C-alpha cells in the first residue's frame, strides 16, 4: 500500500519512504523516464522529508539545465536514423578536431590534469551505459542519451564511437600535460636561482592519507550523495574488511589474495545479527567467525545472498579508487565470486517437545495474572491447539465463538466488520474449539464472563488495540517475543508466535494422524487437490467431522 504525504514528492510504501517526482514532458527524452522514483531507505518522517526536499531541489536544477538552449549545434544523427555508424563517427571527429584546440588552450597544468580525469569518468560512464544526462556539445556536438529511436544494438555501436572520440581527446590532453611538465623542468634548469626541480612540480605517488580506504570511501559517498542509511552500511562493511585484514587500511596494499580470503573464509561464516545479539558483543571478528565454524547449528551464519550483497558494497570502494581517483590501476575485488554457502542450516520451524514443556510451565505462571491480562494466557493456547494466525486470534469478537447448529462450540474466523480482515478466501472458516480448552481449561467460563460485561461486537480480548499495518496483533507480538526468551534456549530465539502454527500442523500430522484436508481447513490453507468448483459443490467439512479428528491432537500434559 502506498501512502501519500503532505510533503511534496514524498510517499510511503510498506512503511518505507520513497521519493517520487514527475519529469516534465520537455525533459523526459533527456532523462529517459517519465517519473523519478527512489527509495529513501528510512522510516522516519522528518528524515524522509529532509531527503525529499534535497532531491526535489536537485532535480529542479537538472530540469532547468536540460531546458537551456545549447550554444553548439546538435548532430543530425539525433533525427536522421538512416545515417550509418561511419557517418556518425566521421561527424564526431570533425567536431572534435574543430573544438580540440580550444580545449587544449589551458595555461595551468592542474587544469589539464582535472580535464583528463573528467574525460576518463565520461568514457567509463558511456562504456557502462550509465551516462545519465551528459552534454558533450562543446567536445562532440551531441547530448546523451541519444534519441530513443535507435535499437539497443545500434546505440551500443554509437556509444563505442563516442568513447573512441573521447579517448583521442584525453590522449591529446595528456600529451599537452606532458609538454607542460617538460616546459616547467626546462625553465627551472635555466633559472640561476634554482638548480633542482621542485618536488611539487613532479608527479608523485599518492600519500598514505590519500590511499587510506576510509578516505576513499568518504570521497565516494560524498560524490554519489548516498543516503545516511546506505552510508552506514558501506562504512560497516569497510570496517569489517579492515579488521579481517589485521588493520590494513592502505587500499593500494590490499591484494586480490586478501580479498579472496575475506570472501571465502570470513563472509560465509559471519554470525547473523552479530551486532544485535549480546553473545557476540565484546568479541573480535575472528573469534565470532570461529564460533560459527565450530558449531554452525548453534551459531547461525548470514545467508549466501547477504554475503554477495556485502562484498558488492566493499567492491564499490575499490571501483571508485580505480575509475575515479586513479590511485590503483587494477581493481583487486573484480571477478571474485563467493561460492554457494557450503553450510546448509536446517532449522526447526516448530517448537520441540522440551521447548513445549517449558512453555507450558511458563504459561502456568502467566495464569496467575489472567484476570488482568487474559490475552497473554489464552492467545498462545488458542494458537497451539488450532494453528491460527496471531491476528486472526487477536481480532476475534465475542459473537465469533458460539454453539453451532450441530451442538459443537466453534470459532468463526472471518473479516466482517470495521478494522478486520483475513489473509485470503481460504482463511474464512469455522473451526470447532478443542475439547481440552472447554473441559479442562474452562475457556467457556471466560467467554461467559466477558459476555456479561460487554456487547457481542466487543473484542474477545478487550485490552488489545488496533494498529495500522498490524491489526490488533502488535502488542501481543511484542510481548510474546520478550516472554519467549524466559523459557526458550538462546539457539531457539529465532522462533516466534508463528512457530505455534508450524507446531500445530506438525503435531496434527505426526501425532494425531489428521487427514490433510482437515488440517488445511483448520489452519486456513487452500485445500490441496480440491478445485474451487468441487469446493462449491461439497462445501467445507462440518464442524462435528473436524472435531472428531481435532480432539485426537495432544501434547502430553492433557492427561
Protein backbone atom coordinates (compact mmCIF):
# COMPACT_ATOMS: atom_id res chain seq x y z
CA UNK A 1 0.00 0.00 0.00
CA UNK A 2 1.28 3.47 -0.93
CA UNK A 3 0.52 6.42 1.38
CA UNK A 4 0.94 9.98 0.08
CA UNK A 5 2.09 12.70 2.50
CA UNK A 6 1.67 16.46 2.53
CA UNK A 7 5.37 16.89 1.78
CA UNK A 8 5.74 17.19 -1.98
CA UNK A 9 7.18 14.18 -3.83
CA UNK A 10 7.20 12.04 -0.66
CA UNK A 11 5.29 8.78 -0.40
CA UNK A 12 5.29 5.77 1.90
CA UNK A 13 5.29 2.17 0.67
CA UNK A 14 5.01 -0.63 3.24
CA UNK A 15 6.50 1.55 5.99
CA UNK A 16 9.49 2.78 3.93
CA UNK A 17 9.50 6.30 2.50
CA UNK A 18 10.32 6.89 -1.14
CA UNK A 19 10.86 9.93 -3.37
CA UNK A 20 8.68 10.31 -6.47
CA UNK A 21 8.74 13.21 -8.89
CA UNK A 22 7.10 13.59 -12.29
CA UNK A 23 9.56 14.53 -15.06
CA UNK A 24 8.32 17.47 -17.20
CA UNK A 25 7.38 16.41 -20.72
CA UNK A 26 10.08 18.60 -22.30
CA UNK A 27 12.72 16.81 -20.19
CA UNK A 28 11.54 13.21 -20.46
CA UNK A 29 13.57 12.37 -23.57
CA UNK A 30 16.79 13.60 -21.93
CA UNK A 31 16.10 11.91 -18.57
CA UNK A 32 14.85 8.71 -20.19
CA UNK A 33 11.77 8.27 -17.98
CA UNK A 34 8.51 9.98 -17.08
CA UNK A 35 8.87 9.73 -13.30
CA UNK A 36 11.80 9.71 -10.88
CA UNK A 37 11.41 7.01 -8.19
CA UNK A 38 14.00 6.48 -5.47
CA UNK A 39 13.80 4.73 -2.11
CA UNK A 40 14.83 6.98 0.79
CA UNK A 41 15.58 3.89 2.93
CA UNK A 42 14.14 5.38 6.11
CA UNK A 43 11.01 5.00 8.21
CA UNK A 44 11.39 8.41 9.94
CA UNK A 45 9.04 11.08 8.52
CA UNK A 46 11.33 14.01 9.42
CA UNK A 47 14.40 12.43 7.82
CA UNK A 48 12.36 11.44 4.75
CA UNK A 49 11.03 15.00 4.36
CA UNK A 50 14.56 16.40 4.53
CA UNK A 51 15.87 13.96 1.92
CA UNK A 52 12.86 14.51 -0.37
CA UNK A 53 13.33 18.28 -0.28
CA UNK A 54 17.00 17.94 -1.21
CA UNK A 55 16.24 15.60 -4.10
CA UNK A 56 13.44 17.89 -5.31
CA UNK A 57 15.81 20.87 -5.43
CA UNK A 58 18.49 18.83 -7.20
CA UNK A 59 16.12 17.57 -9.89
CA UNK A 60 14.64 21.02 -10.46
CA UNK A 61 18.15 22.31 -11.18
CA UNK A 62 18.76 19.42 -13.58
CA UNK A 63 15.49 20.14 -15.40
CA UNK A 64 16.50 23.81 -15.77
CA UNK A 65 19.86 22.77 -17.26
CA UNK A 66 18.15 20.42 -19.71
CA UNK A 67 15.76 23.18 -20.84
CA UNK A 68 18.62 25.64 -21.55
CA UNK A 69 19.29 26.05 -25.28
CA UNK A 70 22.70 24.75 -26.37
CA UNK A 71 25.18 27.19 -27.90
CA UNK A 72 26.63 24.36 -30.02
CA UNK A 73 24.78 22.54 -32.79
CA UNK A 74 23.42 19.06 -32.13
CA UNK A 75 24.34 16.32 -34.55
CA UNK A 76 21.93 15.32 -37.27
CA UNK A 77 22.24 11.71 -36.12
CA UNK A 78 19.64 12.55 -33.48
CA UNK A 79 16.97 12.98 -36.15
CA UNK A 80 18.30 11.09 -39.18
CA UNK A 81 18.08 7.46 -38.22
CA UNK A 82 19.25 6.32 -41.69
CA UNK A 83 22.74 7.75 -41.08
CA UNK A 84 25.35 4.99 -40.65
CA UNK A 85 27.75 4.48 -37.76
CA UNK A 86 30.66 5.51 -40.03
CA UNK A 87 28.88 8.78 -40.87
CA UNK A 88 28.23 9.34 -37.16
CA UNK A 89 31.89 8.63 -36.32
CA UNK A 90 33.13 11.00 -39.03
CA UNK A 91 30.87 13.79 -37.77
CA UNK A 92 32.09 13.23 -34.20
CA UNK A 93 35.74 13.51 -35.23
CA UNK A 94 35.05 16.61 -37.35
CA UNK A 95 33.57 18.37 -34.32
CA UNK A 96 36.40 17.08 -32.12
CA UNK A 97 39.13 18.39 -34.44
CA UNK A 98 37.33 21.70 -34.73
CA UNK A 99 36.99 22.18 -30.96
CA UNK A 100 40.13 20.44 -29.68
CA UNK A 101 42.43 23.49 -29.89
CA UNK A 102 40.11 25.43 -27.58
CA UNK A 103 40.04 22.52 -25.11
CA UNK A 104 43.85 22.40 -25.02
CA UNK A 105 44.21 26.15 -24.58
CA UNK A 106 44.90 25.88 -20.86
CA UNK A 107 47.73 27.66 -19.08
CA UNK A 108 47.59 25.55 -15.93
CA UNK A 109 48.96 22.02 -15.59
CA UNK A 110 46.39 21.39 -12.87
CA UNK A 111 43.50 22.28 -15.19
CA UNK A 112 44.77 19.83 -17.78
CA UNK A 113 45.06 17.08 -15.16
CA UNK A 114 41.50 17.67 -13.97
CA UNK A 115 40.25 17.63 -17.58
CA UNK A 116 41.95 14.29 -18.15
CA UNK A 117 40.19 12.79 -15.12
CA UNK A 118 36.87 14.22 -16.31
CA UNK A 119 37.14 12.55 -19.73
CA UNK A 120 38.18 9.29 -18.10
CA UNK A 121 34.99 9.36 -16.00
CA UNK A 122 32.89 10.14 -19.08
CA UNK A 123 34.44 7.25 -21.00
CA UNK A 124 33.64 4.86 -18.15
CA UNK A 125 30.06 6.13 -17.88
CA UNK A 126 29.38 5.68 -21.61
CA UNK A 127 31.12 2.28 -21.70
CA UNK A 128 28.96 1.02 -18.83
CA UNK A 129 25.86 2.54 -20.49
CA UNK A 130 25.21 4.80 -17.48
CA UNK A 131 25.85 8.27 -18.94
CA UNK A 132 22.81 9.91 -17.34
CA UNK A 133 22.19 13.30 -18.98
CA UNK A 134 25.57 14.35 -20.43
CA UNK A 135 26.15 17.45 -22.57
CA UNK A 136 29.04 16.88 -24.99
CA UNK A 137 28.08 19.76 -27.28
CA UNK A 138 31.45 21.53 -26.96
CA UNK A 139 33.51 18.40 -27.49
CA UNK A 140 31.50 16.30 -29.95
CA UNK A 141 28.37 18.28 -30.77
CA UNK A 142 25.94 15.87 -29.10
CA UNK A 143 23.99 15.30 -25.93
CA UNK A 144 23.46 11.99 -24.16
CA UNK A 145 21.42 9.91 -24.01
CA UNK A 146 20.92 9.67 -27.77
CA UNK A 147 17.48 9.52 -29.33
CA UNK A 148 15.28 6.60 -28.28
CA UNK A 149 14.71 5.78 -31.95
CA UNK A 150 17.78 3.56 -32.03
CA UNK A 151 17.82 -0.11 -31.19
CA UNK A 152 19.97 -1.29 -28.24
CA UNK A 153 22.49 -2.75 -30.69
CA UNK A 154 22.75 0.48 -32.70
CA UNK A 155 23.07 2.53 -29.50
CA UNK A 156 26.00 0.36 -28.36
CA UNK A 157 27.79 0.94 -31.68
CA UNK A 158 27.23 4.70 -31.45
CA UNK A 159 28.44 4.75 -27.85
CA UNK A 160 31.57 2.88 -28.91
CA UNK A 161 32.33 5.67 -31.40
CA UNK A 162 31.74 8.28 -28.68
CA UNK A 163 34.17 6.52 -26.33
CA UNK A 164 36.76 6.35 -29.13
CA UNK A 165 36.48 10.10 -29.74
CA UNK A 166 36.71 10.90 -26.02
CA UNK A 167 39.77 8.66 -25.84
CA UNK A 168 41.51 10.73 -28.53
CA UNK A 169 40.65 13.93 -26.66
CA UNK A 170 42.05 12.51 -23.42
CA UNK A 171 45.27 11.40 -25.16
CA UNK A 172 45.71 14.89 -26.60
CA UNK A 173 45.20 16.41 -23.16
CA UNK A 174 47.72 14.00 -21.62
CA UNK A 175 50.25 14.92 -24.32
CA UNK A 176 49.72 18.61 -23.59
CA UNK A 177 50.08 17.88 -19.87
CA UNK A 178 53.43 16.19 -20.56
CA UNK A 179 54.60 19.21 -22.56
CA UNK A 180 53.70 21.49 -19.64
CA UNK A 181 55.77 19.31 -17.30
CA UNK A 182 58.77 19.34 -19.69
CA UNK A 183 58.47 23.07 -20.20
CA UNK A 184 58.46 23.65 -16.46
CA UNK A 185 61.54 21.46 -15.99
CA UNK A 186 63.45 23.37 -18.72
CA UNK A 187 62.53 26.70 -17.14
CA UNK A 188 63.75 25.55 -13.73
CA UNK A 189 67.08 24.30 -15.11
CA UNK A 190 67.72 27.61 -16.86
CA UNK A 191 66.85 29.59 -13.77
CA UNK A 192 70.08 30.54 -11.98
CA UNK A 193 68.30 30.59 -8.61
CA UNK A 194 67.05 27.02 -8.95
CA UNK A 195 69.33 24.08 -9.79
CA UNK A 196 66.85 21.42 -8.97
CA UNK A 197 63.25 20.61 -9.77
CA UNK A 198 60.76 21.48 -7.08
CA UNK A 199 59.25 18.20 -5.84
CA UNK A 200 55.73 19.51 -6.15
CA UNK A 201 56.19 20.02 -9.90
CA UNK A 202 56.96 16.34 -10.49
CA UNK A 203 54.02 13.92 -10.41
CA UNK A 204 54.32 12.00 -7.15
CA UNK A 205 52.80 8.83 -5.79
CA UNK A 206 49.65 9.35 -3.70
CA UNK A 207 50.31 9.87 0.01
CA UNK A 208 49.25 7.31 2.59
CA UNK A 209 46.41 9.61 3.61
CA UNK A 210 45.12 9.70 0.03
CA UNK A 211 45.20 5.90 -0.24
CA UNK A 212 43.50 5.25 3.09
CA UNK A 213 40.48 3.08 2.34
CA UNK A 214 38.25 5.16 4.63
CA UNK A 215 39.36 8.35 2.86
CA UNK A 216 38.48 6.77 -0.49
CA UNK A 217 35.16 5.56 0.91
CA UNK A 218 34.22 9.04 2.17
CA UNK A 219 35.11 10.63 -1.18
CA UNK A 220 32.91 8.09 -2.94
CA UNK A 221 29.98 8.61 -0.56
CA UNK A 222 30.18 12.40 -0.92
CA UNK A 223 30.41 12.19 -4.71
CA UNK A 224 27.47 9.82 -5.05
CA UNK A 225 25.34 11.68 -2.48
CA UNK A 226 24.20 8.45 -0.86
CA UNK A 227 21.62 8.37 1.92
CA UNK A 228 22.54 8.19 5.59
CA UNK A 229 21.44 4.57 5.95
CA UNK A 230 23.42 3.39 2.92
CA UNK A 231 26.49 5.29 4.13
CA UNK A 232 26.32 3.42 7.42
CA UNK A 233 26.10 0.06 5.61
CA UNK A 234 29.15 0.83 3.42
CA UNK A 235 31.18 2.08 6.40
CA UNK A 236 30.30 -1.02 8.43
CA UNK A 237 31.44 -3.30 5.59
CA UNK A 238 34.76 -1.47 5.13
CA UNK A 239 35.42 -1.69 8.88
CA UNK A 240 34.71 -5.41 8.80
CA UNK A 241 37.12 -5.91 5.89
CA UNK A 242 39.84 -3.86 7.60
CA UNK A 243 39.50 -5.83 10.83
CA UNK A 244 39.73 -9.16 8.97
CA UNK A 245 42.90 -7.95 7.21
CA UNK A 246 44.54 -7.16 10.53
CA UNK A 247 44.03 -3.40 10.39
CA UNK A 248 45.39 -2.91 6.85
CA UNK A 249 43.99 0.41 5.61
CA UNK A 250 46.19 1.32 2.60
CA UNK A 251 43.97 0.45 -0.37
CA UNK A 252 47.00 0.11 -2.66
CA UNK A 253 48.38 -2.62 -0.37
CA UNK A 254 45.21 -4.74 -0.34
CA UNK A 255 45.74 -7.60 -2.77
CA UNK A 256 43.41 -9.95 -4.60
CA UNK A 257 44.63 -12.72 -2.29
CA UNK A 258 43.46 -10.67 0.72
CA UNK A 259 40.00 -10.20 -0.78
CA UNK A 260 39.65 -13.85 -1.84
CA UNK A 261 40.47 -14.85 1.74
CA UNK A 262 37.86 -12.40 3.06
CA UNK A 263 35.21 -13.60 0.57
CA UNK A 264 35.75 -17.30 1.28
CA UNK A 265 36.90 -17.57 4.89
CA UNK A 266 35.14 -14.65 6.61
CA UNK A 267 31.87 -13.60 4.95
CA UNK A 268 30.24 -17.07 4.74
CA UNK A 269 30.82 -17.54 8.48
CA UNK A 270 29.72 -14.15 9.79
CA UNK A 271 27.09 -14.66 12.51
CA UNK A 272 23.60 -13.50 11.69
CA UNK A 273 22.66 -10.32 13.62
CA UNK A 274 26.19 -10.16 15.03
CA UNK A 275 25.76 -6.57 16.21
CA UNK A 276 22.43 -7.23 17.91
CA UNK A 277 22.97 -10.45 19.86
CA UNK A 278 24.68 -9.98 23.23
CA UNK A 279 26.53 -13.27 22.83
CA UNK A 280 28.87 -11.70 20.23
CA UNK A 281 29.41 -8.31 21.88
CA UNK A 282 32.95 -7.64 23.01
CA UNK A 283 34.38 -10.44 20.83
CA UNK A 284 36.70 -9.89 17.87
CA UNK A 285 35.61 -10.61 14.31
CA UNK A 286 37.93 -13.63 14.13
CA UNK A 287 36.50 -15.02 17.38
CA UNK A 288 32.91 -14.65 16.11
CA UNK A 289 33.77 -16.36 12.81
CA UNK A 290 35.48 -19.21 14.70
CA UNK A 291 32.33 -19.67 16.83
CA UNK A 292 30.24 -20.19 13.70
CA UNK A 293 32.78 -22.54 12.14
CA UNK A 294 32.84 -24.57 15.36
CA UNK A 295 29.07 -25.00 15.71
CA UNK A 296 27.05 -23.83 12.74
CA UNK A 297 23.80 -25.21 14.14
CA UNK A 298 24.05 -23.14 17.31
CA UNK A 299 25.58 -20.01 15.76
CA UNK A 300 23.71 -19.34 12.51
CA UNK A 301 25.67 -17.54 9.71
CA UNK A 302 24.33 -14.92 7.32
CA UNK A 303 22.77 -16.14 4.07
CA UNK A 304 24.66 -16.57 0.81
CA UNK A 305 22.75 -13.66 -0.75
CA UNK A 306 23.74 -11.40 2.16
CA UNK A 307 27.38 -12.46 1.62
CA UNK A 308 27.17 -11.36 -2.02
CA UNK A 309 25.47 -8.09 -1.13
CA UNK A 310 28.09 -7.22 1.48
CA UNK A 311 31.03 -7.99 -0.80
CA UNK A 312 29.45 -5.93 -3.59
CA UNK A 313 29.38 -2.91 -1.26
CA UNK A 314 33.10 -3.30 -0.47
CA UNK A 315 33.79 -3.73 -4.19
CA UNK A 316 32.33 -0.30 -4.99
CA UNK A 317 35.10 1.37 -2.95
CA UNK A 318 37.82 -0.33 -5.00
CA UNK A 319 36.00 0.52 -8.24
CA UNK A 320 35.88 4.18 -7.25
CA UNK A 321 39.59 4.18 -6.31
CA UNK A 322 40.46 2.86 -9.78
CA UNK A 323 37.95 4.56 -12.08
CA UNK A 324 37.59 7.96 -10.42
CA UNK A 325 40.70 8.55 -8.32
CA UNK A 326 43.28 6.59 -10.31
CA UNK A 327 45.21 5.54 -7.17
CA UNK A 328 45.06 1.87 -8.21
CA UNK A 329 45.36 0.56 -11.75
CA UNK A 330 43.63 -2.79 -11.23
CA UNK A 331 40.51 -3.46 -9.18
CA UNK A 332 41.51 -6.43 -6.98
CA UNK A 333 37.88 -7.08 -6.00
CA UNK A 334 36.72 -7.58 -9.57
CA UNK A 335 35.95 -11.14 -10.63
CA UNK A 336 35.84 -12.60 -7.12
CA UNK A 337 32.82 -14.77 -6.56
CA UNK A 338 31.59 -16.13 -3.27
CA UNK A 339 30.90 -19.85 -3.58
CA UNK A 340 27.47 -21.13 -2.65
CA UNK A 341 27.35 -21.42 1.10
CA UNK A 342 28.69 -24.82 1.96
CA UNK A 343 26.67 -24.92 5.14
CA UNK A 344 23.01 -25.78 4.81
CA UNK A 345 21.34 -24.99 8.11
CA UNK A 346 18.01 -26.76 8.54
CA UNK A 347 16.28 -25.03 11.41
CA UNK A 348 13.31 -26.46 13.24
CA UNK A 349 10.35 -24.20 12.50
CA UNK A 350 8.08 -25.54 15.20
CA UNK A 351 8.73 -25.97 18.92
CA UNK A 352 10.37 -29.15 20.18
CA UNK A 353 8.84 -31.32 22.91
CA UNK A 354 11.27 -29.93 25.51
CA UNK A 355 10.51 -26.35 24.46
CA UNK A 356 6.75 -27.00 24.63
CA UNK A 357 7.17 -28.42 28.12
CA UNK A 358 8.99 -25.25 29.23
CA UNK A 359 6.38 -23.06 27.55
CA UNK A 360 3.57 -24.83 29.40
CA UNK A 361 5.34 -24.24 32.72
CA UNK A 362 5.72 -20.57 31.82
CA UNK A 363 2.00 -20.37 30.92
CA UNK A 364 1.11 -21.64 34.37
CA UNK A 365 2.95 -18.62 35.77
CA UNK A 366 1.15 -16.31 33.33
CA UNK A 367 -2.19 -17.77 34.52
CA UNK A 368 -1.67 -16.06 37.88
CA UNK A 369 -2.26 -12.71 36.17
CA UNK A 370 -5.07 -13.99 33.92
CA UNK A 371 -7.63 -11.59 35.42
CA UNK A 372 -5.56 -8.55 34.40
CA UNK A 373 -4.14 -9.73 31.08
CA UNK A 374 -6.22 -12.73 29.95
CA UNK A 375 -4.95 -12.44 26.36
CA UNK A 376 -1.43 -13.41 27.43
CA UNK A 377 -2.71 -16.76 28.65
CA UNK A 378 -5.41 -17.63 26.14
CA UNK A 379 -3.86 -16.43 22.84
CA UNK A 380 -0.82 -18.80 22.93
CA UNK A 381 -3.12 -21.70 23.92
CA UNK A 382 -5.60 -21.00 21.10
CA UNK A 383 -2.67 -20.79 18.66
CA UNK A 384 -1.19 -24.05 19.94
CA UNK A 385 -4.45 -26.06 19.72
CA UNK A 386 -5.84 -24.54 16.49
CA UNK A 387 -2.88 -23.26 14.46
CA UNK A 388 -4.49 -19.85 13.92
CA UNK A 389 -2.51 -16.81 12.78
CA UNK A 390 -1.85 -14.25 15.51
CA UNK A 391 -4.07 -11.50 14.11
CA UNK A 392 -6.89 -13.99 13.49
CA UNK A 393 -6.99 -14.68 17.24
CA UNK A 394 -6.46 -11.07 18.34
CA UNK A 395 -9.31 -9.73 16.19
CA UNK A 396 -11.91 -12.27 17.38
CA UNK A 397 -15.16 -10.84 18.74
CA UNK A 398 -17.37 -12.39 21.40
CA UNK A 399 -20.00 -13.23 18.80
CA UNK A 400 -17.43 -15.16 16.75
CA UNK A 401 -17.46 -18.00 19.30
CA UNK A 402 -20.77 -19.77 19.60
CA UNK A 403 -22.56 -23.12 19.57
CA UNK A 404 -23.11 -24.43 16.05
CA UNK A 405 -26.36 -25.99 14.87
CA UNK A 406 -24.86 -29.45 15.34
CA UNK A 407 -24.10 -28.67 19.00
CA UNK A 408 -20.36 -28.07 18.55
CA UNK A 409 -18.73 -24.97 20.06
CA UNK A 410 -16.93 -23.23 17.18
CA UNK A 411 -14.66 -20.28 16.39
CA UNK A 412 -15.80 -18.32 13.34
CA UNK A 413 -12.78 -16.75 11.61
CA UNK A 414 -13.92 -14.01 9.26
CA UNK A 415 -13.12 -10.50 8.10
CA UNK A 416 -16.52 -8.94 8.77
CA UNK A 417 -16.68 -5.56 10.43
CA UNK A 418 -14.53 -2.47 10.69
CA UNK A 419 -10.73 -2.87 11.04
CA UNK A 420 -10.92 -6.62 10.49
CA UNK A 421 -9.53 -8.63 7.63
CA UNK A 422 -8.30 -12.11 6.68
CA UNK A 423 -5.33 -13.16 4.57
CA UNK A 424 -7.31 -14.76 1.72
CA UNK A 425 -10.60 -16.53 1.00
CA UNK A 426 -9.30 -19.84 2.41
CA UNK A 427 -8.78 -18.07 5.75
CA UNK A 428 -12.53 -17.64 6.22
CA UNK A 429 -13.55 -20.77 8.16
CA UNK A 430 -15.49 -22.21 11.07
CA UNK A 431 -13.38 -24.39 13.37
CA UNK A 432 -14.52 -26.36 16.44
CA UNK A 433 -12.98 -25.42 19.79
CA UNK A 434 -10.59 -28.10 21.02
CA UNK A 435 -12.26 -30.02 23.89
CA UNK A 436 -9.25 -29.52 26.18
CA UNK A 437 -9.91 -25.75 26.25
CA UNK A 438 -13.54 -26.27 27.23
CA UNK A 439 -13.37 -29.27 29.56
CA UNK A 440 -10.05 -28.73 31.35
CA UNK A 441 -9.05 -25.07 30.98
CA UNK A 442 -12.60 -23.62 31.34
CA UNK A 443 -12.36 -21.35 28.33
CA UNK A 444 -16.18 -21.27 28.18
CA UNK A 445 -16.26 -19.66 31.64
CA UNK A 446 -14.01 -16.84 30.46
CA UNK A 447 -16.28 -16.42 27.43
CA UNK A 448 -19.46 -16.27 29.56
CA UNK A 449 -17.93 -13.71 31.93
CA UNK A 450 -16.97 -11.46 29.02
CA UNK A 451 -20.47 -11.66 27.52
CA UNK A 452 -21.90 -10.38 30.80
CA UNK A 453 -19.80 -7.20 30.82
CA UNK A 454 -19.52 -6.47 27.06
CA UNK A 455 -21.60 -6.50 23.90
CA UNK A 456 -21.43 -9.27 21.31
CA UNK A 457 -19.49 -6.97 18.96
CA UNK A 458 -16.77 -6.38 21.54
CA UNK A 459 -13.34 -7.96 21.19
CA UNK A 460 -12.76 -11.30 22.88
CA UNK A 461 -9.66 -9.72 24.46
CA UNK A 462 -10.59 -6.10 25.24
CA UNK A 463 -7.06 -4.98 26.21
CA UNK A 464 -5.90 -5.17 22.59
CA UNK A 465 -5.75 -2.06 20.43
CA UNK A 466 -5.67 -1.59 16.67
CA UNK A 467 -2.51 -0.52 14.80
CA UNK A 468 -2.27 0.26 11.09
CA UNK A 469 -0.41 -2.49 9.28
CA UNK A 470 -0.52 -4.99 12.15
CA UNK A 471 -4.18 -5.01 13.11
CA UNK A 472 -4.77 -6.00 16.74
CA UNK A 473 -1.67 -8.19 16.96
CA UNK A 474 1.15 -5.69 17.61
CA UNK A 475 1.12 -5.56 21.43
CA UNK A 476 0.81 -9.32 21.77
CA UNK A 477 3.60 -9.89 19.25
CA UNK A 478 5.94 -7.59 21.17
CA UNK A 479 5.07 -9.23 24.48
CA UNK A 480 5.45 -12.78 23.11
CA UNK A 481 8.90 -12.04 21.67
CA UNK A 482 10.07 -10.85 25.10
CA UNK A 483 8.30 -13.60 27.05
CA UNK A 484 9.66 -16.46 24.91
CA UNK A 485 13.22 -15.57 25.98
CA UNK A 486 12.33 -16.53 29.56
CA UNK A 487 11.88 -20.18 28.62
CA UNK A 488 13.50 -20.73 25.20
CA UNK A 489 17.21 -21.63 24.86
CA UNK A 490 19.32 -18.98 23.11
CA UNK A 491 19.74 -21.01 19.92
CA UNK A 492 15.93 -21.08 19.50
CA UNK A 493 15.31 -17.35 19.96
CA UNK A 494 14.59 -17.07 16.23
CA UNK A 495 11.24 -18.79 16.84
CA UNK A 496 8.14 -16.65 17.35
CA UNK A 497 4.37 -16.85 17.66
CA UNK A 498 4.01 -18.13 14.10
CA UNK A 499 6.09 -21.14 15.19
CA UNK A 500 2.99 -22.26 17.14
CA UNK A 501 1.24 -22.58 13.78
CA UNK A 502 4.05 -24.81 12.49
CA UNK A 503 3.89 -26.81 15.74
CA UNK A 504 0.16 -27.42 15.35
CA UNK A 505 0.49 -28.57 11.73
CA UNK A 506 3.34 -30.94 12.62
CA UNK A 507 1.56 -32.33 15.69
CA UNK A 508 -1.69 -32.83 13.77
CA UNK A 509 0.16 -34.68 11.04
CA UNK A 510 2.51 -36.82 13.14
CA UNK A 511 0.74 -37.36 16.47
CA UNK A 512 -2.97 -37.04 15.73
CA UNK A 513 -2.69 -38.61 12.23
CA UNK A 514 -5.07 -35.94 10.96
CA UNK A 515 -6.03 -36.00 7.28
CA UNK A 516 -4.50 -33.31 5.08
CA UNK A 517 -7.87 -31.82 4.22
CA UNK A 518 -8.90 -31.47 7.84
CA UNK A 519 -5.50 -29.99 8.74
CA UNK A 520 -5.71 -27.45 5.92
CA UNK A 521 -9.28 -26.42 6.72
CA UNK A 522 -8.43 -25.82 10.38
CA UNK A 523 -5.36 -23.71 9.58
CA UNK A 524 -7.00 -21.79 6.73
CA UNK A 525 -4.85 -23.09 3.89
CA UNK A 526 -6.25 -23.82 0.46
CA UNK A 527 -7.15 -27.50 0.20
CA UNK A 528 -4.57 -29.22 -1.99
CA UNK A 529 -6.01 -31.31 -4.82
CA UNK A 530 -9.53 -29.90 -4.44
CA UNK A 531 -10.69 -27.47 -7.12
CA UNK A 532 -12.75 -24.35 -6.41
CA UNK A 533 -15.68 -25.90 -8.32
CA UNK A 534 -15.53 -29.05 -6.19
CA UNK A 535 -15.47 -26.91 -3.03
CA UNK A 536 -18.60 -25.11 -4.22
CA UNK A 537 -20.45 -28.42 -4.52
CA UNK A 538 -19.01 -30.22 -1.49
CA UNK A 539 -18.61 -27.28 0.86
CA UNK A 540 -16.29 -27.32 3.85
CA UNK A 541 -16.18 -30.16 6.33
CA UNK A 542 -18.84 -29.94 9.04
CA UNK A 543 -17.59 -28.84 12.50
CA UNK A 544 -18.55 -32.19 14.07
CA UNK A 545 -16.48 -34.08 11.46
CA UNK A 546 -13.48 -31.81 12.07
CA UNK A 547 -13.87 -32.15 15.86
CA UNK A 548 -13.60 -35.92 15.57
CA UNK A 549 -10.03 -35.54 14.27
CA UNK A 550 -9.10 -32.40 16.23
CA UNK A 551 -9.77 -33.96 19.65
CA UNK A 552 -7.05 -36.53 18.94
CA UNK A 553 -4.41 -33.77 18.99
CA UNK A 554 -2.50 -33.81 22.29
CA UNK A 555 0.82 -32.51 23.66
CA UNK A 556 1.31 -34.77 26.66
CA UNK A 557 0.16 -32.63 29.57
CA UNK A 558 -3.56 -33.16 28.96
CA UNK A 559 -3.75 -36.42 30.97
